[in-house]
Amino acid sequence: MSEKVLIVGGGIGGLSTAIALQQRGVNVEVVEVNKTWKVYHVGIIVQSNFVRALAQLGVAKEAVDAGFSYRGWRWRHNDTGQEMGRSEGVSTADGFPSDLGLARPALHDVLYKRVNDLGIKLRLGVTYSEIQDHGDKVEVSFTDGTSDSYDLVVGADGAYSKLRDQLFGDQHRPEFTGQGVWRYNLPRPSDLEWADAYITDPHQSIGTVPLTEDTMYIFVTASEPGNPRFAPETLADEMRKRLIGKGQAVEAFAAYITDPALVVYRPLEVCFLPKPWNKGRIVLIGDASHSSTPHLGQGAAMAVEDAVVLAEEIVGDRPIDERLARFVSRRFDRAKFIADQSRQLGAWQMNPTPDADPAGLFDRVRTYIGEPI
């Protein structure tokens, strides 16, 4: 493919797409509006499909070396810490683990290094000021005063995508679900080889995930009525409040949460764009088209899978609209399944019902993500 592609956004999805396209011989450029990288220091949950997608990008080994391979998930009692069940991971990429704890900055460094090694043009502090799709080309003017033409523009500009607004209007905006998530890095016990979920309080998620030999992170997902905003200096106090009274095993973590500057809090918002995810020669990927809650730890995985599939489908001689339609067709149901199941877990936490089965749902998802994409 001799075509030229512009990627708007230098996050996980944008950098992954640049790598996937460049590996297939596509001339690709990336613009990122921020002058310096803004990557939160907490970790992400990386499961078998994410590791498989990283392997397809040629960076799985680097990611594994930068993180901590753990055995799967254990379900534990909030008060006693007693194990109540487990879900051991199954690898879907030969020679690589099924589950990986990975700090966001570490993942970003892996992707950024690969982009540099491939010689991909990346401009920081620059984004588009105007985009015009003329049918055969997309003319783009940039905020640094330059302009160029492209055969395809990929919007990887996140949940509050400006490209999405431009293409489809502002009726598709992130919607607050009623919950927020709190994250903080902690010391990792030397014998901890599992991610642990404390499940005996049905109203929220509390868990720990190993990140490195020395660190892990704790997450707390809780109802936040009214979508409150918290003063930065109060974040450690607020996070501790959401552990106190939730059982002795989880209360023990509260003593480590001391620095408000190291607490990452985010309200949970979702936005799922109906088909199509493209208009003409401009297509959206990742959170720009299908953001979901973090209950299943699949947001980053969905973005990297998008990158892999887009690169597979965009190469060829078929008309561009057919190639993009195939991409959306392969991705839509899978991304929607993850988004729907993630939101279901949140709904059960906010309104527990007798038929709620979080562990069963999780096991079904674990099987589903192992299927080919």
Protein backbone atom coordinates (compact mmCIF):
# COMPACT_ATOMS: atom_id res chain seq x y z
CA MET A 1 0.00 0.00 0.00
CA SER A 2 1.51 3.30 -1.10
CA GLU A 3 -1.14 5.47 0.52
CA LYS A 4 -0.41 8.06 3.21
CA VAL A 5 -2.24 8.00 6.55
CA LEU A 6 -2.54 10.63 9.28
CA ILE A 7 -3.26 9.56 12.86
CA VAL A 8 -4.71 12.19 15.17
CA GLY A 9 -3.76 11.29 18.74
CA GLY A 10 -0.62 9.76 20.24
CA GLY A 11 -2.10 7.57 22.97
CA ILE A 12 -2.16 3.78 23.15
CA GLY A 13 -4.49 3.43 20.16
CA GLY A 14 -2.74 6.03 18.02
CA LEU A 15 0.79 4.74 18.55
CA SER A 16 -0.34 1.14 18.10
CA THR A 17 -2.05 2.02 14.83
CA ALA A 18 1.05 3.81 13.59
CA ILE A 19 3.15 0.73 14.31
CA ALA A 20 0.67 -1.67 12.73
CA LEU A 21 0.36 0.40 9.54
CA GLN A 22 4.07 1.10 9.18
CA GLN A 23 4.83 -2.62 9.49
CA ARG A 24 2.62 -3.17 6.44
CA GLY A 25 4.44 -0.58 4.40
CA VAL A 26 2.04 2.32 4.91
CA ASN A 27 3.43 5.86 5.03
CA VAL A 28 2.06 7.09 8.36
CA GLU A 29 2.28 10.27 10.44
CA VAL A 30 1.08 11.03 13.97
CA VAL A 31 0.10 14.37 15.51
CA GLU A 32 -0.47 14.76 19.26
CA VAL A 33 -1.94 17.96 20.65
CA ASN A 34 0.01 17.81 23.92
CA LYS A 35 3.54 19.19 23.86
CA THR A 36 4.64 16.66 26.46
CA TRP A 37 3.24 13.20 27.14
CA LYS A 38 0.49 13.09 29.74
CA VAL A 39 0.51 9.49 30.92
CA TYR A 40 -0.97 8.57 34.29
CA HIS A 41 1.44 6.70 36.54
CA VAL A 42 -0.97 3.95 37.58
CA GLY A 43 -1.27 0.56 35.96
CA ILE A 44 -3.56 -1.17 33.53
CA ILE A 45 -4.92 -4.69 33.48
CA VAL A 46 -3.48 -6.57 30.51
CA GLN A 47 -5.11 -9.85 29.53
CA SER A 48 -4.42 -12.50 26.92
CA ASN A 49 -5.96 -10.70 23.93
CA PHE A 50 -3.93 -7.58 24.66
CA VAL A 51 -0.69 -9.58 24.86
CA ARG A 52 -1.62 -11.30 21.59
CA ALA A 53 -2.19 -7.93 19.90
CA LEU A 54 1.12 -6.61 21.23
CA ALA A 55 2.82 -9.70 19.80
CA GLN A 56 1.34 -8.84 16.41
CA LEU A 57 2.89 -5.38 16.77
CA GLY A 58 6.25 -6.92 17.63
CA VAL A 59 6.45 -5.42 21.13
CA ALA A 60 5.09 -8.16 23.39
CA LYS A 61 8.50 -9.15 24.75
CA GLU A 62 9.33 -5.54 25.60
CA ALA A 63 5.99 -5.11 27.35
CA VAL A 64 6.39 -8.32 29.34
CA ASP A 65 9.90 -7.29 30.38
CA ALA A 66 8.55 -3.91 31.53
CA GLY A 67 5.72 -5.37 33.60
CA PHE A 68 4.88 -8.36 35.78
CA SER A 69 3.36 -11.61 34.51
CA TYR A 70 0.78 -12.92 36.95
CA ARG A 71 -1.17 -16.15 36.98
CA GLY A 72 -4.74 -14.85 36.75
CA TRP A 73 -7.43 -13.64 39.15
CA ARG A 74 -8.35 -14.78 42.64
CA TRP A 75 -11.65 -13.91 44.31
CA ARG A 76 -11.12 -13.05 47.98
CA HIS A 77 -13.19 -12.20 51.04
CA ASN A 78 -13.16 -8.50 51.93
CA ASP A 79 -12.83 -9.17 55.65
CA THR A 80 -10.70 -12.30 56.02
CA GLY A 81 -8.84 -12.24 52.72
CA GLN A 82 -9.74 -15.92 52.28
CA GLU A 83 -9.64 -17.15 48.70
CA MET A 84 -13.12 -17.95 47.38
CA GLY A 85 -12.22 -18.98 43.84
CA ARG A 86 -9.84 -18.27 41.01
CA SER A 87 -9.68 -17.83 37.25
CA GLU A 88 -6.30 -18.84 35.88
CA GLY A 89 -5.35 -17.19 32.62
CA VAL A 90 -4.83 -19.04 29.34
CA SER A 91 -2.33 -17.59 26.89
CA THR A 92 -3.40 -16.86 23.32
CA ALA A 93 0.08 -15.95 22.07
CA ASP A 94 2.77 -18.64 21.97
CA GLY A 95 5.60 -17.98 24.36
CA PHE A 96 3.85 -15.15 26.18
CA PRO A 97 1.85 -14.98 29.42
CA SER A 98 -1.91 -14.70 29.61
CA ASP A 99 -1.99 -11.88 32.16
CA LEU A 100 0.33 -8.96 32.65
CA GLY A 101 0.44 -6.05 35.04
CA LEU A 102 1.84 -3.01 33.33
CA ALA A 103 2.24 0.61 34.34
CA ARG A 104 0.81 3.03 31.79
CA PRO A 105 4.10 4.94 31.46
CA ALA A 106 5.93 1.66 30.86
CA LEU A 107 3.51 0.68 28.08
CA HIS A 108 3.77 4.13 26.56
CA ASP A 109 7.57 3.92 26.57
CA VAL A 110 7.44 0.55 24.79
CA LEU A 111 5.15 1.88 22.06
CA TYR A 112 7.00 5.19 21.73
CA LYS A 113 10.35 3.44 21.33
CA ARG A 114 8.91 1.21 18.61
CA VAL A 115 7.51 4.26 16.79
CA ASN A 116 10.95 5.89 16.90
CA ASP A 117 12.71 2.71 15.80
CA LEU A 118 10.41 2.50 12.77
CA GLY A 119 11.15 6.12 11.87
CA ILE A 120 7.49 7.15 12.06
CA LYS A 121 6.95 10.90 11.83
CA LEU A 122 5.52 12.14 15.14
CA ARG A 123 4.75 15.76 15.96
CA LEU A 124 4.03 16.81 19.53
CA GLY A 125 2.10 19.98 20.36
CA VAL A 126 0.41 19.84 16.96
CA THR A 127 -3.08 18.86 15.86
CA TYR A 128 -5.37 19.61 12.97
CA SER A 129 -7.07 22.98 12.56
CA GLU A 130 -9.16 22.03 9.53
CA ILE A 131 -9.97 18.79 7.72
CA GLN A 132 -11.69 18.56 4.36
CA ASP A 133 -12.53 15.22 2.77
CA HIS A 134 -12.63 15.68 -1.00
CA GLY A 135 -13.52 12.08 -1.76
CA ASP A 136 -10.21 11.06 -3.26
CA LYS A 137 -7.99 12.80 -0.68
CA VAL A 138 -8.28 14.42 2.73
CA GLU A 139 -6.76 17.89 2.96
CA VAL A 140 -5.53 18.75 6.47
CA SER A 141 -4.35 22.06 7.87
CA PHE A 142 -2.39 21.93 11.13
CA THR A 143 -2.07 24.25 14.10
CA ASP A 144 1.61 24.86 13.30
CA GLY A 145 0.67 26.47 9.99
CA THR A 146 1.54 23.51 7.77
CA SER A 147 -0.82 21.49 5.57
CA ASP A 148 -0.79 18.21 3.66
CA SER A 149 -3.05 15.70 1.94
CA TYR A 150 -3.74 12.10 3.01
CA ASP A 151 -5.53 9.04 1.74
CA LEU A 152 -6.91 8.24 5.21
CA VAL A 153 -7.23 10.03 8.54
CA VAL A 154 -7.53 7.95 11.72
CA GLY A 155 -9.10 9.60 14.76
CA ALA A 156 -7.46 8.20 17.89
CA ASP A 157 -8.14 11.33 19.91
CA GLY A 158 -9.89 9.74 22.88
CA ALA A 159 -13.27 9.73 24.56
CA TYR A 160 -13.76 13.46 24.00
CA SER A 161 -12.82 13.17 20.34
CA LYS A 162 -13.07 16.42 18.39
CA LEU A 163 -13.02 14.42 15.18
CA ARG A 164 -16.10 12.49 16.33
CA ASP A 165 -17.90 15.77 16.96
CA GLN A 166 -16.90 17.02 13.52
CA LEU A 167 -18.07 13.87 11.75
CA PHE A 168 -21.22 12.99 13.67
CA GLY A 169 -22.16 16.02 15.75
CA ASP A 170 -22.07 16.48 19.50
CA GLN A 171 -24.99 14.12 20.26
CA HIS A 172 -22.45 11.37 20.88
CA ARG A 173 -20.74 12.48 24.07
CA PRO A 174 -19.35 10.55 27.06
CA GLU A 175 -22.09 9.77 29.57
CA PHE A 176 -21.44 9.47 33.32
CA THR A 177 -22.42 6.02 34.55
CA GLY A 178 -22.82 6.88 38.24
CA GLN A 179 -19.47 5.46 39.35
CA GLY A 180 -15.87 6.57 39.65
CA VAL A 181 -12.60 4.67 39.91
CA TRP A 182 -9.74 5.37 42.32
CA ARG A 183 -6.21 4.05 41.75
CA TYR A 184 -2.99 4.11 43.76
CA ASN A 185 0.34 2.29 43.54
CA LEU A 186 1.43 0.17 46.51
CA PRO A 187 4.37 -2.08 47.45
CA ARG A 188 3.96 -5.60 46.08
CA PRO A 189 4.42 -8.50 48.51
CA SER A 190 7.24 -10.67 47.19
CA ASP A 191 5.02 -13.79 47.07
CA LEU A 192 2.07 -12.18 45.27
CA GLU A 193 1.63 -13.86 41.87
CA TRP A 194 -2.08 -13.14 41.29
CA ALA A 195 -4.39 -10.22 40.76
CA ASP A 196 -6.87 -10.20 43.62
CA ALA A 197 -10.50 -9.07 43.56
CA TYR A 198 -12.31 -8.60 46.87
CA ILE A 199 -15.89 -9.53 46.13
CA THR A 200 -17.99 -9.80 49.26
CA ASP A 201 -19.24 -6.21 49.07
CA PRO A 202 -21.51 -6.25 45.99
CA HIS A 203 -21.66 -2.46 45.77
CA GLN A 204 -18.15 -1.83 44.49
CA SER A 205 -15.00 -3.32 42.99
CA ILE A 206 -11.81 -3.47 45.03
CA GLY A 207 -8.73 -5.21 43.74
CA THR A 208 -4.96 -5.28 43.43
CA VAL A 209 -2.84 -6.00 40.35
CA PRO A 210 0.95 -6.63 40.32
CA LEU A 211 2.89 -4.17 38.15
CA THR A 212 6.57 -4.95 38.75
CA GLU A 213 8.68 -7.02 41.10
CA ASP A 214 8.30 -4.22 43.65
CA THR A 215 4.94 -2.57 42.96
CA MET A 216 1.26 -3.28 42.49
CA TYR A 217 -1.74 -1.01 42.29
CA ILE A 218 -5.07 -0.96 44.06
CA PHE A 219 -8.29 0.10 42.38
CA VAL A 220 -11.61 0.97 43.97
CA THR A 221 -14.71 1.43 41.82
CA ALA A 222 -17.57 3.01 43.76
CA SER A 223 -20.82 4.89 43.26
CA GLU A 224 -20.29 8.64 43.09
CA PRO A 225 -23.76 10.22 43.09
CA GLY A 226 -23.94 13.54 41.30
CA ASN A 227 -20.55 13.10 39.61
CA PRO A 228 -18.66 15.10 42.27
CA ARG A 229 -15.37 16.88 41.72
CA PHE A 230 -12.71 16.56 44.42
CA ALA A 231 -10.05 19.08 45.39
CA PRO A 232 -6.63 17.58 44.57
CA GLU A 233 -5.40 17.84 48.15
CA THR A 234 -8.32 15.68 49.39
CA LEU A 235 -7.86 12.71 47.07
CA ALA A 236 -5.93 10.47 49.50
CA ASP A 237 -8.50 11.09 52.24
CA GLU A 238 -11.36 10.40 49.84
CA MET A 239 -9.85 7.17 48.57
CA ARG A 240 -9.22 5.91 52.10
CA LYS A 241 -12.86 6.63 52.97
CA ARG A 242 -13.92 4.18 50.27
CA LEU A 243 -11.92 1.40 51.94
CA ILE A 244 -12.86 2.00 55.56
CA GLY A 245 -15.71 -0.22 56.71
CA LYS A 246 -15.34 -2.55 53.72
CA GLY A 247 -13.63 -5.37 55.60
CA GLN A 248 -10.33 -5.80 57.43
CA ALA A 249 -8.47 -7.23 54.44
CA VAL A 250 -9.16 -4.19 52.26
CA GLU A 251 -8.94 -1.67 55.10
CA ALA A 252 -5.31 -2.69 55.55
CA PHE A 253 -4.48 -1.03 52.22
CA ALA A 254 -5.71 2.35 53.43
CA ALA A 255 -2.59 2.97 55.52
CA TYR A 256 -0.48 3.07 52.34
CA ILE A 257 -2.61 5.71 50.61
CA THR A 258 -0.96 8.88 51.89
CA ASP A 259 0.00 11.14 49.00
CA PRO A 260 -2.94 12.89 47.29
CA ALA A 261 -0.74 13.71 44.30
CA LEU A 262 -0.37 9.98 43.58
CA VAL A 263 -4.09 9.21 43.65
CA VAL A 264 -5.69 8.98 40.21
CA TYR A 265 -9.45 9.45 40.27
CA ARG A 266 -11.68 9.38 37.22
CA PRO A 267 -15.46 9.46 36.87
CA LEU A 268 -16.60 6.55 34.73
CA GLU A 269 -17.97 7.71 31.40
CA VAL A 270 -18.97 5.75 28.32
CA CYS A 271 -19.63 6.58 24.69
CA PHE A 272 -20.42 3.92 22.10
CA LEU A 273 -20.83 5.19 18.56
CA PRO A 274 -23.32 3.34 16.34
CA LYS A 275 -22.23 2.16 12.92
CA PRO A 276 -20.47 3.45 10.93
CA TRP A 277 -17.32 4.61 12.70
CA ASN A 278 -16.18 6.41 9.60
CA LYS A 279 -17.39 9.09 7.26
CA GLY A 280 -15.63 8.97 3.93
CA ARG A 281 -11.88 8.71 4.42
CA ILE A 282 -11.93 9.56 8.14
CA VAL A 283 -12.32 6.69 10.64
CA LEU A 284 -12.46 6.59 14.43
CA ILE A 285 -10.83 3.97 16.66
CA GLY A 286 -10.43 3.22 20.36
CA ASP A 287 -12.15 5.46 22.88
CA ALA A 288 -13.14 7.88 20.13
CA SER A 289 -15.65 5.29 18.90
CA HIS A 290 -16.21 2.85 21.78
CA SER A 291 -15.12 3.93 25.24
CA SER A 292 -16.24 1.67 28.09
CA THR A 293 -15.87 1.35 31.84
CA PRO A 294 -12.73 -0.31 33.28
CA HIS A 295 -14.54 -3.15 35.08
CA LEU A 296 -13.15 -5.75 32.67
CA GLY A 297 -9.76 -4.14 32.06
CA GLN A 298 -10.32 -4.20 28.30
CA GLY A 299 -10.17 -0.56 27.18
CA ALA A 300 -6.55 -0.58 26.06
CA ALA A 301 -6.93 -4.07 24.57
CA MET A 302 -9.83 -2.94 22.39
CA ALA A 303 -7.78 0.00 21.09
CA VAL A 304 -4.77 -2.15 20.20
CA GLU A 305 -6.99 -4.75 18.57
CA ASP A 306 -8.50 -1.91 16.51
CA ALA A 307 -4.99 -1.03 15.36
CA VAL A 308 -4.20 -4.60 14.30
CA VAL A 309 -7.48 -5.10 12.43
CA LEU A 310 -7.39 -1.70 10.72
CA ALA A 311 -3.91 -2.43 9.40
CA GLU A 312 -5.05 -5.82 8.11
CA GLU A 313 -8.09 -4.41 6.35
CA ILE A 314 -6.72 -1.16 4.98
CA VAL A 315 -4.06 -2.82 2.85
CA GLY A 316 -5.38 -3.76 -0.59
CA ASP A 317 -6.87 -2.49 -3.82
CA ARG A 318 -10.55 -2.50 -2.91
CA PRO A 319 -12.32 0.87 -2.64
CA ILE A 320 -11.59 2.64 0.63
CA ASP A 321 -15.21 2.52 1.77
CA GLU A 322 -15.20 -1.28 1.46
CA ARG A 323 -11.98 -1.59 3.43
CA LEU A 324 -13.28 0.61 6.23
CA ALA A 325 -16.63 -1.20 6.27
CA ARG A 326 -14.79 -4.49 6.75
CA PHE A 327 -12.81 -2.97 9.62
CA VAL A 328 -15.95 -1.75 11.38
CA SER A 329 -17.72 -5.05 10.73
CA ARG A 330 -14.92 -7.01 12.40
CA ARG A 331 -14.70 -4.71 15.39
CA PHE A 332 -18.24 -3.53 16.18
CA ASP A 333 -19.80 -6.59 17.84
CA ARG A 334 -16.65 -7.43 19.79
CA ALA A 335 -16.22 -3.90 21.15
CA LYS A 336 -19.94 -3.68 21.95
CA PHE A 337 -19.89 -6.97 23.84
CA ILE A 338 -17.05 -5.71 26.04
CA ALA A 339 -18.73 -2.33 26.57
CA ASP A 340 -22.08 -3.93 27.46
CA GLN A 341 -20.60 -6.48 29.86
CA SER A 342 -18.45 -3.85 31.54
CA ARG A 343 -21.45 -1.63 32.06
CA GLN A 344 -23.46 -4.57 33.37
CA LEU A 345 -20.91 -5.10 36.14
CA GLY A 346 -21.24 -1.46 37.13
CA ALA A 347 -25.04 -1.66 37.08
CA TRP A 348 -24.97 -4.70 39.39
CA GLN A 349 -22.75 -2.80 41.81
CA MET A 350 -25.00 0.24 41.91
CA ASN A 351 -28.19 -1.87 42.06
CA PRO A 352 -27.44 -5.43 43.25
CA THR A 353 -29.96 -8.03 42.10
CA PRO A 354 -30.45 -11.67 43.13
CA ASP A 355 -29.46 -12.88 39.67
CA ALA A 356 -26.19 -10.91 39.55
CA ASP A 357 -23.28 -13.18 38.64
CA PRO A 358 -20.08 -11.09 38.32
CA ALA A 359 -17.74 -14.09 38.54
CA GLY A 360 -19.67 -15.96 35.87
CA LEU A 361 -19.70 -12.91 33.61
CA PHE A 362 -15.96 -12.51 34.06
CA ASP A 363 -15.33 -16.14 33.11
CA ARG A 364 -17.48 -15.77 29.98
CA VAL A 365 -15.51 -12.70 28.99
CA ARG A 366 -12.20 -14.47 29.62
CA THR A 367 -13.26 -17.15 27.14
CA TYR A 368 -14.59 -14.63 24.62
CA ILE A 369 -11.46 -12.48 24.48
CA GLY A 370 -9.40 -15.53 23.59
CA GLU A 371 -11.33 -15.99 20.36
CA PRO A 372 -9.76 -14.78 17.08
CA ILE A 373 -10.36 -11.19 16.11
